[in-house]
Protein backbone atom coordinates (compact mmCIF):
# COMPACT_ATOMS: atom_id res chain seq x y z
CA UNK A 1 -59.08 -34.71 239.30
CA UNK A 2 -58.69 -31.71 241.54
CA UNK A 3 -60.72 -28.55 241.27
CA UNK A 4 -57.52 -26.55 240.82
CA UNK A 5 -56.48 -28.42 237.67
CA UNK A 6 -60.05 -28.20 236.34
CA UNK A 7 -60.06 -24.47 237.10
CA UNK A 8 -56.67 -24.09 235.40
CA UNK A 9 -57.92 -25.99 232.35
CA UNK A 10 -61.05 -23.80 232.19
CA UNK A 11 -58.91 -20.66 232.55
CA UNK A 12 -56.66 -21.82 229.68
CA UNK A 13 -59.74 -22.41 227.50
CA UNK A 14 -61.02 -18.96 228.50
CA UNK A 15 -57.77 -17.16 227.57
CA UNK A 16 -57.41 -19.19 224.39
CA UNK A 17 -60.99 -18.26 223.47
CA UNK A 18 -60.23 -14.57 224.23
CA UNK A 19 -57.22 -14.76 221.94
CA UNK A 20 -59.24 -16.44 219.17
CA UNK A 21 -62.04 -13.90 219.58
CA UNK A 22 -59.54 -11.06 219.08
CA UNK A 23 -58.07 -12.84 216.07
CA UNK A 24 -61.55 -13.35 214.55
CA UNK A 25 -62.56 -9.74 215.21
CA UNK A 26 -59.33 -8.46 213.63
CA UNK A 27 -59.84 -10.76 210.65
CA UNK A 28 -63.44 -9.61 210.22
CA UNK A 29 -62.30 -5.98 210.38
CA UNK A 30 -59.60 -6.69 207.78
CA UNK A 31 -62.09 -8.53 205.55
CA UNK A 32 -64.61 -5.70 205.82
CA UNK A 33 -61.90 -3.26 204.72
CA UNK A 34 -61.09 -5.54 201.78
CA UNK A 35 -64.81 -5.80 200.98
CA UNK A 36 -65.15 -2.00 200.88
CA UNK A 37 -62.07 -1.70 198.67
CA UNK A 38 -63.47 -4.40 196.37
CA UNK A 39 -66.87 -2.65 196.23
CA UNK A 40 -65.11 0.61 195.35
CA UNK A 41 -63.14 -1.21 192.64
CA UNK A 42 -66.34 -2.78 191.26
CA UNK A 43 -68.09 0.58 191.20
CA UNK A 44 -65.12 2.17 189.42
CA UNK A 45 -65.05 -0.67 186.87
CA UNK A 46 -68.79 -0.26 186.23
CA UNK A 47 -68.27 3.48 185.71
CA UNK A 48 -65.32 2.84 183.38
CA UNK A 49 -67.33 0.28 181.39
CA UNK A 50 -70.24 2.72 181.06
CA UNK A 51 -67.92 5.54 179.94
CA UNK A 52 -66.16 3.32 177.42
CA UNK A 53 -69.48 2.02 176.08
CA UNK A 54 -70.71 5.59 175.62
CA UNK A 55 -67.49 6.47 173.79
CA UNK A 56 -67.87 3.34 171.65
CA UNK A 57 -71.45 4.31 170.76
CA UNK A 58 -70.28 7.80 169.76
CA UNK A 59 -67.44 6.47 167.62
CA UNK A 60 -69.76 3.90 166.03
CA UNK A 61 -72.27 6.65 165.24
CA UNK A 62 -69.56 8.75 163.59
CA UNK A 63 -68.34 5.78 161.55
CA UNK A 64 -71.92 5.18 160.36
CA UNK A 65 -71.78 8.67 158.82
CA UNK A 66 -68.75 7.79 156.68
CA UNK A 67 -70.88 6.78 153.67
CA UNK A 68 -72.86 10.01 153.67
CA UNK A 69 -69.64 12.00 154.10
CA UNK A 70 -68.03 10.16 151.18
CA UNK A 71 -71.17 10.70 149.11
CA UNK A 72 -71.05 14.41 149.94
CA UNK A 73 -67.37 14.55 149.04
CA UNK A 74 -68.10 12.79 145.73
CA UNK A 75 -70.86 15.35 145.12
CA UNK A 76 -68.35 18.18 145.65
CA UNK A 77 -65.92 16.50 143.25
CA UNK A 78 -68.69 16.11 140.64
CA UNK A 79 -69.75 19.74 141.07
CA UNK A 80 -66.13 20.84 140.65
CA UNK A 81 -65.99 18.82 137.43
CA UNK A 82 -69.26 20.43 136.24
CA UNK A 83 -67.89 23.86 137.16
CA UNK A 84 -64.76 23.08 135.13
CA UNK A 85 -66.90 22.26 132.09
CA UNK A 86 -68.89 25.47 132.52
CA UNK A 87 -65.75 27.55 133.08
CA UNK A 88 -64.17 26.07 129.94
CA UNK A 89 -67.28 27.05 127.99
CA UNK A 90 -67.06 30.65 129.24
CA UNK A 91 -63.34 30.90 128.56
CA UNK A 92 -63.70 29.75 124.96
CA UNK A 93 -66.00 32.71 124.29
CA UNK A 94 -63.56 35.25 125.78
CA UNK A 95 -59.89 36.16 125.71
CA UNK A 96 -59.18 34.69 129.20
CA UNK A 97 -56.75 31.79 129.54
CA UNK A 98 -58.44 28.46 130.12
CA UNK A 99 -57.79 26.68 133.43
CA UNK A 100 -59.01 23.23 134.37
CA UNK A 101 -60.57 23.64 137.84
CA UNK A 102 -60.35 19.92 138.53
CA UNK A 103 -56.58 20.11 138.04
CA UNK A 104 -56.33 23.34 140.06
CA UNK A 105 -58.09 21.78 143.05
CA UNK A 106 -56.78 18.24 142.53
CA UNK A 107 -54.08 18.46 145.24
CA UNK A 108 -56.53 19.92 147.76
CA UNK A 109 -59.15 17.33 146.84
CA UNK A 110 -56.67 14.48 147.17
CA UNK A 111 -55.36 15.81 150.50
CA UNK A 112 -58.91 16.22 151.83
CA UNK A 113 -59.88 12.71 150.72
CA UNK A 114 -56.72 11.31 152.31
CA UNK A 115 -57.44 13.20 155.55
CA UNK A 116 -61.00 11.86 155.65
CA UNK A 117 -59.74 8.33 155.01
CA UNK A 118 -57.16 8.68 157.80
CA UNK A 119 -59.78 10.05 160.20
CA UNK A 120 -62.09 7.12 159.61
CA UNK A 121 -59.23 4.61 159.74
CA UNK A 122 -58.25 6.10 163.12
CA UNK A 123 -61.87 5.97 164.28
CA UNK A 124 -62.13 2.30 163.31
CA UNK A 125 -58.88 1.62 165.20
CA UNK A 126 -60.25 3.53 168.21
CA UNK A 127 -63.47 1.51 167.97
CA UNK A 128 -61.44 -1.71 168.14
CA UNK A 129 -59.42 -0.35 171.09
CA UNK A 130 -62.62 0.60 172.91
CA UNK A 131 -64.18 -2.80 172.23
CA UNK A 132 -61.06 -4.56 173.55
CA UNK A 133 -60.91 -2.25 176.58
CA UNK A 134 -64.59 -2.91 177.38
CA UNK A 135 -63.97 -6.67 177.16
CA UNK A 136 -60.94 -6.31 179.47
CA UNK A 137 -62.92 -4.18 181.95
CA UNK A 138 -65.79 -6.67 181.92
CA UNK A 139 -63.33 -9.49 182.66
CA UNK A 140 -61.86 -7.44 185.51
CA UNK A 141 -65.39 -6.80 186.80
CA UNK A 142 -66.24 -10.52 186.78
CA UNK A 143 -63.00 -11.27 188.63
CA UNK A 144 -63.64 -8.51 191.19
CA UNK A 145 -67.22 -9.71 191.76
CA UNK A 146 -65.93 -13.25 192.29
CA UNK A 147 -63.32 -11.96 194.73
CA UNK A 148 -66.05 -10.01 196.54
CA UNK A 149 -68.07 -13.21 196.92
CA UNK A 150 -64.97 -14.93 198.34
CA UNK A 151 -64.52 -12.07 200.82
CA UNK A 152 -68.19 -12.23 201.82
CA UNK A 153 -67.85 -15.99 202.33
CA UNK A 154 -64.73 -15.50 204.47
CA UNK A 155 -66.57 -12.91 206.58
CA UNK A 156 -69.46 -15.32 207.18
CA UNK A 157 -67.08 -18.17 208.05
CA UNK A 158 -65.08 -15.96 210.42
CA UNK A 159 -68.26 -14.65 212.05
CA UNK A 160 -69.39 -18.25 212.66
CA UNK A 161 -66.00 -19.02 214.16
CA UNK A 162 -66.26 -15.87 216.31
CA UNK A 163 -69.63 -17.00 217.65
CA UNK A 164 -68.21 -20.43 218.44
CA UNK A 165 -65.26 -18.90 220.32
CA UNK A 166 -67.62 -16.64 222.25
CA UNK A 167 -69.57 -19.73 223.24
CA UNK A 168 -66.33 -21.45 224.34
CA UNK A 169 -65.35 -18.35 226.34
CA UNK A 170 -68.74 -18.20 228.03
CA UNK A 171 -68.63 -21.91 228.92
CA UNK A 172 -65.07 -21.59 230.20
CA UNK A 173 -66.10 -18.58 232.29
CA UNK A 174 -68.96 -20.57 233.82
CA UNK A 175 -66.63 -23.51 234.47
CA UNK A 176 -64.07 -21.19 236.11
CA UNK A 177 -66.76 -19.75 238.39
CA UNK A 178 -67.99 -23.23 239.28
CA UNK A 179 -64.50 -24.57 240.08
CA UNK A 180 -63.56 -21.41 242.00
CA UNK A 181 -66.69 -21.85 244.14
CA UNK A 182 -65.82 -25.53 244.70
CA UNK A 183 -62.23 -24.60 245.64
CA UNK A 184 -63.55 -21.96 248.10
CA UNK A 185 -65.93 -24.52 249.60
CA UNK A 186 -63.04 -26.97 250.01
CA UNK A 187 -60.81 -24.42 251.69
CA UNK A 188 -63.65 -23.30 253.98
CA UNK A 189 -64.25 -26.81 255.25
């Protein structure tokens, strides 16, 4: 085997290694960009989960107050009924026309009760939506964290490959220098 063909082979390995080094460096750069995007996505998902959990806690707290609100509303209804009885007693002793306060305020009472019921029904629906959204966000977070691990693994693998190609380039460079020196020695003699 001649020194020229050995030199040519070493040069081909050298240029191939240079090409692979560039490819690895570009891939690492691309993967690092993907990693940063994935980290940003994970941070946004964590923020969204926290915000939705806080909203869920607030809605849950409001729903817990439904019983006391209904009890208060029942108290108002009972007091209106008591006021009706008292008003009827006063009217009987005077010339004023008797009015049943419960009947007078019945439409307003019914509308208020219906509004309260609708509000709490909507809050319970919102609570379910928030719970489902949190579950969805947590699933997205798990997926994103898994994808981040895959990206990290790809970076490590590509970095190992880069180091191997740098070693090949260095060896090829040394071989080229050796064979060039041998070719120069041959031509000098």
